[in-house]
Amino acid sequence: MDLTVVVPVFNEEDSVPELTKWIERVCNSGGLSYEIIFVDDGSSDSSWEKICGMAEGNPAVRGFRFRRNYGKAAALHTGFGEAAGDVVITMDSDLQDSPDEIPGLIKMIRDDGYDIVSGWKKKRYDPFIKRITSRFYNRTARWSSGIILHDFNCGLKAYRLEVVKSIEVYGEMHRYIPMLAKEAGFNKIGEKVVEHRARKYGVTKYGLDRFVKGYLDLLTVGFITRFSKSPMHLFGSLGTLMFIMGFLMAGYLGINKLVFIHNNLRAPLITDSPYFFIALTVMIIGSFLFLTGFLGELLNRSSSERNSYLIREKIN
């Protein structure tokens, strides 16, 4: 099979039939064998009934329905697990992503050799607050990951099948799939300017809570990609550094008192100095950080994923 299109759906009853026909028209005109996987993320409208209607008599349309709203990452994870096409394309169900971009995305995967191609909505029709927060997210993600993309959170992306079978998307990590893929060894990540259309039906699902969640998820994925298999490298280094700093501060206070005593001067009590309590606090925090890294290593040792590595090629 040439293509799998994975479409998360949440209360988009008006968009689903039109999007299905649009994808079918593009794939048929390009002579592509394809499947469309809709994942209904706990919609409260008639989205599921519309998906069922599209699937009747059309074996290319498949659907999965969650019992409640789990989020976009859960929908993508389910779709990735079911995908069978050589190229997997994800797009939103609100018709703001254009299926006309499909042939160009497939060409970049097949002919240009990219592992991932991320869409870049250069001209956007999103609300002002969403455009501003996206700029902050993308700038921070570029700086922390080293991946030069303008729009990490664009729903329109294309992947080699091997990529989606090798990464695990959970929580709110759909924003940072390129970072997860890079950590797994898929380094050829490209970008394509895509058409972003104004919303035709319904209302945006964007909320201000995503502003906080986005940055927290970035910290999480940054930690996972760097230290998931070696937490002691982070916590142990920070803990040791803080303990040494506190020890040196306490040592300075002790040496200062010995100098007073040596010169027959009345030495102040070490506990009268606020630096004593600062030094003690820093040493305690350093010890806790070191122990956190040690416990992380013990947990990692018992993890079933501790020796899970992706093999690119094999000669028998």
C-alpha atoms as a PDB file:
ATOM      1  CA  MET A   1       0.000   0.000   0.000  1.00  0.00           C
ATOM      2  CA  ASP A   2       1.294   3.453  -0.924  1.00  0.00           C
ATOM      3  CA  LEU A   3      -0.323   5.666   1.679  1.00  0.00           C
ATOM      4  CA  THR A   4      -2.043   5.802   5.056  1.00  0.00           C
ATOM      5  CA  VAL A   5      -3.756   9.041   6.075  1.00  0.00           C
ATOM      6  CA  VAL A   6      -4.324   9.306   9.839  1.00  0.00           C
ATOM      7  CA  VAL A   7      -6.975  11.846  10.863  1.00  0.00           C
ATOM      8  CA  PRO A   8      -7.776  12.580  14.540  1.00  0.00           C
ATOM      9  CA  VAL A   9     -11.373  13.756  14.909  1.00  0.00           C
ATOM     10  CA  PHE A  10     -13.003  15.691  17.731  1.00  0.00           C
ATOM     11  CA  ASN A  11     -16.432  17.210  17.084  1.00  0.00           C
ATOM     12  CA  GLU A  12     -15.966  17.804  13.353  1.00  0.00           C
ATOM     13  CA  GLU A  13     -19.212  16.313  12.021  1.00  0.00           C
ATOM     14  CA  ASP A  14     -19.491  18.815   9.165  1.00  0.00           C
ATOM     15  CA  SER A  15     -15.899  18.406   7.975  1.00  0.00           C
ATOM     16  CA  VAL A  16     -15.490  14.610   7.904  1.00  0.00           C
ATOM     17  CA  PRO A  17     -17.515  13.801   4.728  1.00  0.00           C
ATOM     18  CA  GLU A  18     -15.964  16.646   2.735  1.00  0.00           C
ATOM     19  CA  LEU A  19     -12.434  15.757   3.880  1.00  0.00           C
ATOM     20  CA  THR A  20     -12.939  12.075   2.983  1.00  0.00           C
ATOM     21  CA  LYS A  21     -14.089  12.869  -0.557  1.00  0.00           C
ATOM     22  CA  TRP A  22     -11.214  15.328  -0.993  1.00  0.00           C
ATOM     23  CA  ILE A  23      -8.579  12.774   0.085  1.00  0.00           C
ATOM     24  CA  GLU A  24     -10.161  10.125  -2.177  1.00  0.00           C
ATOM     25  CA  ARG A  25     -10.127  12.490  -5.154  1.00  0.00           C
ATOM     26  CA  VAL A  26      -6.450  13.374  -4.689  1.00  0.00           C
ATOM     27  CA  CYS A  27      -5.330   9.756  -4.187  1.00  0.00           C
ATOM     28  CA  ASN A  28      -7.357   8.413  -7.120  1.00  0.00           C
ATOM     29  CA  SER A  29      -6.065  11.089  -9.474  1.00  0.00           C
ATOM     30  CA  GLY A  30      -2.492  10.211  -8.447  1.00  0.00           C
ATOM     31  CA  GLY A  31      -3.021   6.462  -8.827  1.00  0.00           C
ATOM     32  CA  LEU A  32      -2.220   5.838  -5.162  1.00  0.00           C
ATOM     33  CA  SER A  33      -3.326   2.813  -3.171  1.00  0.00           C
ATOM     34  CA  TYR A  34      -4.400   4.221   0.189  1.00  0.00           C
ATOM     35  CA  GLU A  35      -6.322   3.914   3.415  1.00  0.00           C
ATOM     36  CA  ILE A  36      -7.844   6.617   5.616  1.00  0.00           C
ATOM     37  CA  ILE A  37      -7.840   5.983   9.358  1.00  0.00           C
ATOM     38  CA  PHE A  38     -10.179   8.218  11.357  1.00  0.00           C
ATOM     39  CA  VAL A  39      -9.736   8.185  15.136  1.00  0.00           C
ATOM     40  CA  ASP A  40     -12.742   9.695  16.910  1.00  0.00           C
ATOM     41  CA  ASP A  41     -11.363  11.202  20.111  1.00  0.00           C
ATOM     42  CA  GLY A  42     -14.568  11.006  22.140  1.00  0.00           C
ATOM     43  CA  SER A  43     -16.691  13.345  20.007  1.00  0.00           C
ATOM     44  CA  SER A  44     -20.033  14.406  21.447  1.00  0.00           C
ATOM     45  CA  ASP A  45     -21.587  15.235  18.074  1.00  0.00           C
ATOM     46  CA  SER A  46     -22.356  12.940  15.122  1.00  0.00           C
ATOM     47  CA  SER A  47     -18.752  12.676  13.918  1.00  0.00           C
ATOM     48  CA  TRP A  48     -18.674   8.904  14.472  1.00  0.00           C
ATOM     49  CA  GLU A  49     -21.906   8.385  12.543  1.00  0.00           C
ATOM     50  CA  LYS A  50     -20.433  10.370   9.651  1.00  0.00           C
ATOM     51  CA  ILE A  51     -17.273   8.223   9.740  1.00  0.00           C
ATOM     52  CA  CYS A  52     -19.395   5.070   9.685  1.00  0.00           C
ATOM     53  CA  GLY A  53     -21.303   6.446   6.720  1.00  0.00           C
ATOM     54  CA  MET A  54     -18.060   7.122   4.840  1.00  0.00           C
ATOM     55  CA  ALA A  55     -16.831   3.588   5.590  1.00  0.00           C
ATOM     56  CA  GLU A  56     -19.931   1.876   4.195  1.00  0.00           C
ATOM     57  CA  GLY A  57     -19.002   0.350   0.868  1.00  0.00           C
ATOM     58  CA  ASN A  58     -15.518   1.889   0.985  1.00  0.00           C
ATOM     59  CA  PRO A  59     -12.876  -0.499   2.376  1.00  0.00           C
ATOM     60  CA  ALA A  60     -10.264   2.266   2.236  1.00  0.00           C
ATOM     61  CA  VAL A  61     -11.947   4.080   5.150  1.00  0.00           C
ATOM     62  CA  ARG A  62     -11.366   2.735   8.648  1.00  0.00           C
ATOM     63  CA  GLY A  63     -12.426   4.153  11.985  1.00  0.00           C
ATOM     64  CA  PHE A  64     -11.666   3.877  15.699  1.00  0.00           C
ATOM     65  CA  ARG A  65     -13.714   5.470  18.444  1.00  0.00           C
ATOM     66  CA  PHE A  66     -12.479   6.293  21.957  1.00  0.00           C
ATOM     67  CA  ARG A  67     -14.862   6.052  24.880  1.00  0.00           C
ATOM     68  CA  ARG A  68     -13.832   9.532  25.993  1.00  0.00           C
ATOM     69  CA  ASN A  69     -11.573  12.379  24.938  1.00  0.00           C
ATOM     70  CA  TYR A  70      -7.947  11.309  25.409  1.00  0.00           C
ATOM     71  CA  GLY A  71      -6.219  13.930  23.283  1.00  0.00           C
ATOM     72  CA  LYS A  72      -4.554  14.200  19.902  1.00  0.00           C
ATOM     73  CA  ALA A  73      -1.450  12.223  20.887  1.00  0.00           C
ATOM     74  CA  ALA A  74      -3.573   9.204  21.832  1.00  0.00           C
ATOM     75  CA  ALA A  75      -5.405   9.404  18.503  1.00  0.00           C
ATOM     76  CA  LEU A  76      -2.150   9.552  16.556  1.00  0.00           C
ATOM     77  CA  HIS A  77      -0.693   6.670  18.558  1.00  0.00           C
ATOM     78  CA  THR A  78      -3.698   4.514  17.680  1.00  0.00           C
ATOM     79  CA  GLY A  79      -3.548   5.498  14.032  1.00  0.00           C
ATOM     80  CA  PHE A  80       0.195   4.842  13.841  1.00  0.00           C
ATOM     81  CA  GLY A  81      -0.293   1.398  15.315  1.00  0.00           C
ATOM     82  CA  GLU A  82      -2.827   0.514  12.605  1.00  0.00           C
ATOM     83  CA  ALA A  83      -1.075   2.171   9.652  1.00  0.00           C
ATOM     84  CA  ALA A  84       0.122  -0.061   6.812  1.00  0.00           C
ATOM     85  CA  GLY A  85       1.066   2.377   4.023  1.00  0.00           C
ATOM     86  CA  ASP A  86       4.669   2.957   2.991  1.00  0.00           C
ATOM     87  CA  VAL A  87       4.094   6.655   3.675  1.00  0.00           C
ATOM     88  CA  VAL A  88       1.984   7.846   6.610  1.00  0.00           C
ATOM     89  CA  ILE A  89       0.456  11.330   6.473  1.00  0.00           C
ATOM     90  CA  THR A  90      -1.322  12.988   9.371  1.00  0.00           C
ATOM     91  CA  MET A  91      -3.732  15.884   8.998  1.00  0.00           C
ATOM     92  CA  ASP A  92      -6.333  17.642  11.083  1.00  0.00           C
ATOM     93  CA  SER A  93     -10.009  17.003  10.416  1.00  0.00           C
ATOM     94  CA  ASP A  94     -11.119  20.648  10.340  1.00  0.00           C
ATOM     95  CA  LEU A  95     -10.284  21.187   6.618  1.00  0.00           C
ATOM     96  CA  GLN A  96      -7.569  23.703   7.479  1.00  0.00           C
ATOM     97  CA  ASP A  97      -5.010  21.210   6.098  1.00  0.00           C
ATOM     98  CA  SER A  98      -5.272  20.696   2.346  1.00  0.00           C
ATOM     99  CA  PRO A  99      -5.159  17.123   0.963  1.00  0.00           C
ATOM    100  CA  ASP A 100      -3.796  18.639  -2.253  1.00  0.00           C
ATOM    101  CA  GLU A 101      -0.417  18.663  -0.460  1.00  0.00           C
ATOM    102  CA  ILE A 102      -0.349  14.836  -0.355  1.00  0.00           C
ATOM    103  CA  PRO A 103       1.517  14.208  -3.662  1.00  0.00           C
ATOM    104  CA  GLY A 104       4.247  16.707  -2.770  1.00  0.00           C
ATOM    105  CA  LEU A 105       4.739  15.214   0.675  1.00  0.00           C
ATOM    106  CA  ILE A 106       4.936  11.679  -0.732  1.00  0.00           C
ATOM    107  CA  LYS A 107       7.529  12.814  -3.295  1.00  0.00           C
ATOM    108  CA  MET A 108       9.767  14.249  -0.572  1.00  0.00           C
ATOM    109  CA  ILE A 109       9.612  10.975   1.367  1.00  0.00           C
ATOM    110  CA  ARG A 110      10.071   8.630  -1.597  1.00  0.00           C
ATOM    111  CA  ASP A 111      12.301  10.563  -3.987  1.00  0.00           C
ATOM    112  CA  ASP A 112      14.187  12.947  -1.705  1.00  0.00           C
ATOM    113  CA  GLY A 113      14.790  10.374   1.025  1.00  0.00           C
ATOM    114  CA  TYR A 114      13.360  12.247   4.008  1.00  0.00           C
ATOM    115  CA  ASP A 115      12.288  10.329   7.110  1.00  0.00           C
ATOM    116  CA  ILE A 116       9.851  13.072   8.148  1.00  0.00           C
ATOM    117  CA  VAL A 117       8.464  16.053   6.274  1.00  0.00           C
ATOM    118  CA  SER A 118       6.750  18.650   8.442  1.00  0.00           C
ATOM    119  CA  GLY A 119       4.338  21.178   7.033  1.00  0.00           C
ATOM    120  CA  TRP A 120       4.985  24.874   7.514  1.00  0.00           C
ATOM    121  CA  LYS A 121       1.875  27.040   7.615  1.00  0.00           C
ATOM    122  CA  LYS A 122       3.684  30.157   6.455  1.00  0.00           C
ATOM    123  CA  LYS A 123       0.431  32.083   6.041  1.00  0.00           C
ATOM    124  CA  ARG A 124      -1.886  31.251   8.916  1.00  0.00           C
ATOM    125  CA  TYR A 125      -5.563  31.822   9.592  1.00  0.00           C
ATOM    126  CA  ASP A 126      -5.412  31.030  13.306  1.00  0.00           C
ATOM    127  CA  PRO A 127      -6.443  33.407  16.117  1.00  0.00           C
ATOM    128  CA  PHE A 128      -3.848  36.016  17.082  1.00  0.00           C
ATOM    129  CA  ILE A 129      -3.024  34.461  20.475  1.00  0.00           C
ATOM    130  CA  LYS A 130      -2.404  31.084  18.856  1.00  0.00           C
ATOM    131  CA  ARG A 131      -0.008  32.605  16.311  1.00  0.00           C
ATOM    132  CA  ILE A 132       1.968  34.387  19.027  1.00  0.00           C
ATOM    133  CA  THR A 133       2.277  31.359  21.311  1.00  0.00           C
ATOM    134  CA  SER A 134       3.250  29.166  18.350  1.00  0.00           C
ATOM    135  CA  ARG A 135       6.158  31.482  17.590  1.00  0.00           C
ATOM    136  CA  PHE A 136       7.441  31.118  21.143  1.00  0.00           C
ATOM    137  CA  TYR A 137       7.033  27.338  21.054  1.00  0.00           C
ATOM    138  CA  ASN A 138       8.778  26.940  17.728  1.00  0.00           C
ATOM    139  CA  ARG A 139      11.671  29.229  18.612  1.00  0.00           C
ATOM    140  CA  THR A 140      12.270  27.415  21.896  1.00  0.00           C
ATOM    141  CA  ALA A 141      11.913  23.981  20.265  1.00  0.00           C
ATOM    142  CA  ARG A 142      14.445  24.900  17.553  1.00  0.00           C
ATOM    143  CA  TRP A 143      16.910  26.122  20.161  1.00  0.00           C
ATOM    144  CA  SER A 144      16.577  23.092  22.424  1.00  0.00           C
ATOM    145  CA  SER A 145      16.446  20.370  19.748  1.00  0.00           C
ATOM    146  CA  GLY A 146      18.693  21.669  16.999  1.00  0.00           C
ATOM    147  CA  ILE A 147      15.968  20.759  14.464  1.00  0.00           C
ATOM    148  CA  ILE A 148      15.376  23.636  12.069  1.00  0.00           C
ATOM    149  CA  LEU A 149      11.607  23.654  11.615  1.00  0.00           C
ATOM    150  CA  HIS A 150       9.331  26.677  11.562  1.00  0.00           C
ATOM    151  CA  ASP A 151       6.180  24.858  12.675  1.00  0.00           C
ATOM    152  CA  PHE A 152       6.673  21.867  14.975  1.00  0.00           C
ATOM    153  CA  ASN A 153       2.977  21.643  15.775  1.00  0.00           C
ATOM    154  CA  CYS A 154       1.666  21.594  12.209  1.00  0.00           C
ATOM    155  CA  GLY A 155      -0.830  18.748  11.953  1.00  0.00           C
ATOM    156  CA  LEU A 156       0.107  18.062   8.329  1.00  0.00           C
ATOM    157  CA  LYS A 157       3.181  15.802   8.352  1.00  0.00           C
ATOM    158  CA  ALA A 158       4.488  12.855   6.357  1.00  0.00           C
ATOM    159  CA  TYR A 159       6.515   9.922   7.702  1.00  0.00           C
ATOM    160  CA  ARG A 160       8.154   6.766   6.520  1.00  0.00           C
ATOM    161  CA  LEU A 161       6.231   3.831   7.943  1.00  0.00           C
ATOM    162  CA  GLU A 162       9.325   2.772   9.900  1.00  0.00           C
ATOM    163  CA  VAL A 163       9.288   6.083  11.775  1.00  0.00           C
ATOM    164  CA  VAL A 164       5.760   5.802  13.152  1.00  0.00           C
ATOM    165  CA  LYS A 165       6.364   2.184  14.162  1.00  0.00           C
ATOM    166  CA  SER A 166       9.525   3.143  16.065  1.00  0.00           C
ATOM    167  CA  ILE A 167       8.321   6.012  18.268  1.00  0.00           C
ATOM    168  CA  GLU A 168       5.739   6.237  21.029  1.00  0.00           C
ATOM    169  CA  VAL A 169       3.491   9.288  21.135  1.00  0.00           C
ATOM    170  CA  TYR A 170       1.691   9.901  24.440  1.00  0.00           C
ATOM    171  CA  GLY A 171       0.412  12.668  26.680  1.00  0.00           C
ATOM    172  CA  GLU A 172       0.712  15.879  24.654  1.00  0.00           C
ATOM    173  CA  MET A 173       3.881  14.817  22.814  1.00  0.00           C
ATOM    174  CA  HIS A 174       2.325  15.120  19.337  1.00  0.00           C
ATOM    175  CA  ARG A 175       3.793  18.641  19.243  1.00  0.00           C
ATOM    176  CA  TYR A 176       7.319  17.296  19.375  1.00  0.00           C
ATOM    177  CA  ILE A 177       7.237  14.167  17.206  1.00  0.00           C
ATOM    178  CA  PRO A 178      10.268  15.378  15.185  1.00  0.00           C
ATOM    179  CA  MET A 179      12.298  15.466  18.420  1.00  0.00           C
ATOM    180  CA  LEU A 180      11.192  11.955  19.357  1.00  0.00           C
ATOM    181  CA  ALA A 181      12.063  10.737  15.866  1.00  0.00           C
ATOM    182  CA  LYS A 182      15.494  12.364  15.968  1.00  0.00           C
ATOM    183  CA  GLU A 183      16.209  10.695  19.312  1.00  0.00           C
ATOM    184  CA  ALA A 184      15.272   7.357  17.699  1.00  0.00           C
ATOM    185  CA  GLY A 185      17.840   7.931  14.949  1.00  0.00           C
ATOM    186  CA  PHE A 186      15.723   9.385  12.127  1.00  0.00           C
ATOM    187  CA  ASN A 187      17.781  12.459  11.350  1.00  0.00           C
ATOM    188  CA  LYS A 188      16.656  13.445   7.854  1.00  0.00           C
ATOM    189  CA  ILE A 189      13.840  15.812   8.729  1.00  0.00           C
ATOM    190  CA  GLY A 190      12.535  18.204   6.091  1.00  0.00           C
ATOM    191  CA  GLU A 191       9.969  20.946   5.794  1.00  0.00           C
ATOM    192  CA  LYS A 192       7.450  21.948   3.145  1.00  0.00           C
ATOM    193  CA  VAL A 193       5.452  25.141   2.921  1.00  0.00           C
ATOM    194  CA  VAL A 194       1.795  24.076   2.892  1.00  0.00           C
ATOM    195  CA  GLU A 195      -1.504  25.814   2.388  1.00  0.00           C
ATOM    196  CA  HIS A 196      -3.332  26.714   5.567  1.00  0.00           C
ATOM    197  CA  ARG A 197      -7.023  27.285   5.032  1.00  0.00           C
ATOM    198  CA  ALA A 198      -9.440  29.319   7.107  1.00  0.00           C
ATOM    199  CA  ARG A 199     -11.724  27.208   9.286  1.00  0.00           C
ATOM    200  CA  LYS A 200     -14.907  26.374   7.369  1.00  0.00           C
ATOM    201  CA  TYR A 201     -16.999  24.662  10.056  1.00  0.00           C
ATOM    202  CA  GLY A 202     -17.128  24.626  13.847  1.00  0.00           C
ATOM    203  CA  VAL A 203     -14.839  26.397  16.303  1.00  0.00           C
ATOM    204  CA  THR A 204     -11.198  26.047  17.253  1.00  0.00           C
ATOM    205  CA  LYS A 205     -10.283  23.636  20.057  1.00  0.00           C
ATOM    206  CA  TYR A 206      -7.336  25.846  21.090  1.00  0.00           C
ATOM    207  CA  GLY A 207      -7.251  27.026  24.700  1.00  0.00           C
ATOM    208  CA  LEU A 208      -4.859  29.030  26.845  1.00  0.00           C
ATOM    209  CA  ASP A 209      -4.050  25.912  28.874  1.00  0.00           C
ATOM    210  CA  ARG A 210      -2.017  24.680  25.890  1.00  0.00           C
ATOM    211  CA  PHE A 211       0.407  27.559  26.456  1.00  0.00           C
ATOM    212  CA  VAL A 212       1.532  26.044  29.761  1.00  0.00           C
ATOM    213  CA  LYS A 213       1.253  22.422  28.645  1.00  0.00           C
ATOM    214  CA  GLY A 214       3.361  23.062  25.564  1.00  0.00           C
ATOM    215  CA  TYR A 215       6.381  24.268  27.516  1.00  0.00           C
ATOM    216  CA  LEU A 216       6.043  21.580  30.163  1.00  0.00           C
ATOM    217  CA  ASP A 217       5.944  18.961  27.407  1.00  0.00           C
ATOM    218  CA  LEU A 218       9.033  20.514  25.818  1.00  0.00           C
ATOM    219  CA  LEU A 219      10.916  20.130  29.113  1.00  0.00           C
ATOM    220  CA  THR A 220       9.701  16.545  29.362  1.00  0.00           C
ATOM    221  CA  VAL A 221      10.686  15.520  25.855  1.00  0.00           C
ATOM    222  CA  GLY A 222      14.020  17.304  26.243  1.00  0.00           C
ATOM    223  CA  PHE A 223      14.758  15.281  29.366  1.00  0.00           C
ATOM    224  CA  ILE A 224      13.561  12.023  27.824  1.00  0.00           C
ATOM    225  CA  THR A 225      15.631  12.383  24.666  1.00  0.00           C
ATOM    226  CA  ARG A 226      18.813  13.203  26.572  1.00  0.00           C
ATOM    227  CA  PHE A 227      18.675  11.394  29.895  1.00  0.00           C
ATOM    228  CA  SER A 228      16.023   8.655  29.787  1.00  0.00           C
ATOM    229  CA  LYS A 229      18.677   5.920  29.773  1.00  0.00           C
ATOM    230  CA  SER A 230      21.156   7.733  32.036  1.00  0.00           C
ATOM    231  CA  PRO A 231      19.341   9.919  34.629  1.00  0.00           C
ATOM    232  CA  MET A 232      22.425   9.926  36.861  1.00  0.00           C
ATOM    233  CA  HIS A 233      24.253  11.998  34.261  1.00  0.00           C
ATOM    234  CA  LEU A 234      21.861  14.876  34.953  1.00  0.00           C
ATOM    235  CA  PHE A 235      20.854  14.501  38.600  1.00  0.00           C
ATOM    236  CA  GLY A 236      24.207  13.145  39.721  1.00  0.00           C
ATOM    237  CA  SER A 237      26.116  15.997  38.072  1.00  0.00           C
ATOM    238  CA  LEU A 238      23.802  18.683  39.479  1.00  0.00           C
ATOM    239  CA  GLY A 239      23.777  17.056  42.919  1.00  0.00           C
ATOM    240  CA  THR A 240      27.561  16.729  43.077  1.00  0.00           C
ATOM    241  CA  LEU A 241      28.048  20.323  41.932  1.00  0.00           C
ATOM    242  CA  MET A 242      25.620  21.686  44.522  1.00  0.00           C
ATOM    243  CA  PHE A 243      27.090  19.563  47.316  1.00  0.00           C
ATOM    244  CA  ILE A 244      30.617  20.796  46.495  1.00  0.00           C
ATOM    245  CA  MET A 245      29.404  24.408  46.433  1.00  0.00           C
ATOM    246  CA  GLY A 246      27.747  24.019  49.852  1.00  0.00           C
ATOM    247  CA  PHE A 247      30.780  22.210  51.256  1.00  0.00           C
ATOM    248  CA  LEU A 248      33.119  24.995  50.103  1.00  0.00           C
ATOM    249  CA  MET A 249      30.869  27.630  51.674  1.00  0.00           C
ATOM    250  CA  ALA A 250      30.807  25.743  54.964  1.00  0.00           C
ATOM    251  CA  GLY A 251      34.567  25.196  54.740  1.00  0.00           C
ATOM    252  CA  TYR A 252      35.123  28.916  54.281  1.00  0.00           C
ATOM    253  CA  LEU A 253      33.147  29.652  57.444  1.00  0.00           C
ATOM    254  CA  GLY A 254      35.140  27.036  59.360  1.00  0.00           C
ATOM    255  CA  ILE A 255      38.500  28.379  58.158  1.00  0.00           C
ATOM    256  CA  ASN A 256      37.406  31.922  58.953  1.00  0.00           C
ATOM    257  CA  LYS A 257      36.673  30.884  62.558  1.00  0.00           C
ATOM    258  CA  LEU A 258      40.057  29.134  62.891  1.00  0.00           C
ATOM    259  CA  VAL A 259      41.774  32.340  61.742  1.00  0.00           C
ATOM    260  CA  PHE A 260      39.976  34.280  64.483  1.00  0.00           C
ATOM    261  CA  ILE A 261      40.999  31.716  67.097  1.00  0.00           C
ATOM    262  CA  HIS A 262      44.612  31.656  65.867  1.00  0.00           C
ATOM    263  CA  ASN A 263      44.832  35.441  66.280  1.00  0.00           C
ATOM    264  CA  ASN A 264      43.294  35.281  69.800  1.00  0.00           C
ATOM    265  CA  LEU A 265      40.222  37.125  68.644  1.00  0.00           C
ATOM    266  CA  ARG A 266      36.667  36.429  69.715  1.00  0.00           C
ATOM    267  CA  ALA A 267      35.331  34.171  66.961  1.00  0.00           C
ATOM    268  CA  PRO A 268      31.671  34.587  65.958  1.00  0.00           C
ATOM    269  CA  LEU A 269      29.466  31.542  66.070  1.00  0.00           C
ATOM    270  CA  ILE A 270      29.259  29.834  62.692  1.00  0.00           C
ATOM    271  CA  THR A 271      25.500  29.466  63.175  1.00  0.00           C
ATOM    272  CA  ASP A 272      25.191  33.255  63.486  1.00  0.00           C
ATOM    273  CA  SER A 273      26.059  33.586  59.813  1.00  0.00           C
ATOM    274  CA  PRO A 274      23.232  33.188  57.288  1.00  0.00           C
ATOM    275  CA  TYR A 275      25.764  31.621  54.916  1.00  0.00           C
ATOM    276  CA  PHE A 276      25.930  28.581  57.197  1.00  0.00           C
ATOM    277  CA  PHE A 277      22.259  27.799  56.624  1.00  0.00           C
ATOM    278  CA  ILE A 278      22.586  28.528  52.914  1.00  0.00           C
ATOM    279  CA  ALA A 279      25.538  26.121  52.700  1.00  0.00           C
ATOM    280  CA  LEU A 280      23.638  23.465  54.665  1.00  0.00           C
ATOM    281  CA  THR A 281      20.568  23.824  52.431  1.00  0.00           C
ATOM    282  CA  VAL A 282      22.644  23.602  49.249  1.00  0.00           C
ATOM    283  CA  MET A 283      24.391  20.425  50.480  1.00  0.00           C
ATOM    284  CA  ILE A 284      21.057  18.823  51.407  1.00  0.00           C
ATOM    285  CA  ILE A 285      19.541  19.659  48.004  1.00  0.00           C
ATOM    286  CA  GLY A 286      22.667  18.329  46.303  1.00  0.00           C
ATOM    287  CA  SER A 287      22.392  15.075  48.252  1.00  0.00           C
ATOM    288  CA  PHE A 288      18.722  14.696  47.286  1.00  0.00           C
ATOM    289  CA  LEU A 289      19.511  15.307  43.613  1.00  0.00           C
ATOM    290  CA  PHE A 290      22.263  12.704  43.711  1.00  0.00           C
ATOM    291  CA  LEU A 291      19.919  10.194  45.347  1.00  0.00           C
ATOM    292  CA  THR A 292      17.249  11.007  42.728  1.00  0.00           C
ATOM    293  CA  GLY A 293      19.708  10.123  39.978  1.00  0.00           C
ATOM    294  CA  PHE A 294      20.692   6.936  41.812  1.00  0.00           C
ATOM    295  CA  LEU A 295      17.048   5.876  42.184  1.00  0.00           C
ATOM    296  CA  GLY A 296      16.449   6.744  38.515  1.00  0.00           C
ATOM    297  CA  GLU A 297      19.281   4.410  37.536  1.00  0.00           C
ATOM    298  CA  LEU A 298      17.785   1.608  39.660  1.00  0.00           C
ATOM    299  CA  LEU A 299      14.387   2.082  38.006  1.00  0.00           C
ATOM    300  CA  ASN A 300      16.002   2.223  34.570  1.00  0.00           C
ATOM    301  CA  ARG A 301      17.824  -1.032  35.287  1.00  0.00           C
ATOM    302  CA  SER A 302      14.516  -2.824  35.833  1.00  0.00           C
ATOM    303  CA  SER A 303      12.870  -1.248  32.756  1.00  0.00           C
ATOM    304  CA  SER A 304      12.035  -3.522  29.848  1.00  0.00           C
ATOM    305  CA  GLU A 305      13.174  -0.738  27.485  1.00  0.00           C
ATOM    306  CA  ARG A 306      16.710  -0.419  28.911  1.00  0.00           C
ATOM    307  CA  ASN A 307      18.232  -2.392  26.018  1.00  0.00           C
ATOM    308  CA  SER A 308      15.756  -1.445  23.300  1.00  0.00           C
ATOM    309  CA  TYR A 309      17.650  -0.237  20.229  1.00  0.00           C
ATOM    310  CA  LEU A 310      16.500   0.349  16.666  1.00  0.00           C
ATOM    311  CA  ILE A 311      18.381  -1.649  14.023  1.00  0.00           C
ATOM    312  CA  ARG A 312      18.571   0.133  10.687  1.00  0.00           C
ATOM    313  CA  GLU A 313      19.904  -2.728   8.550  1.00  0.00           C
ATOM    314  CA  LYS A 314      20.874  -6.340   9.091  1.00  0.00           C
ATOM    315  CA  ILE A 315      22.921  -8.902   7.181  1.00  0.00           C
ATOM    316  CA  ASN A 316      22.061 -12.530   7.872  1.00  0.00           C
END
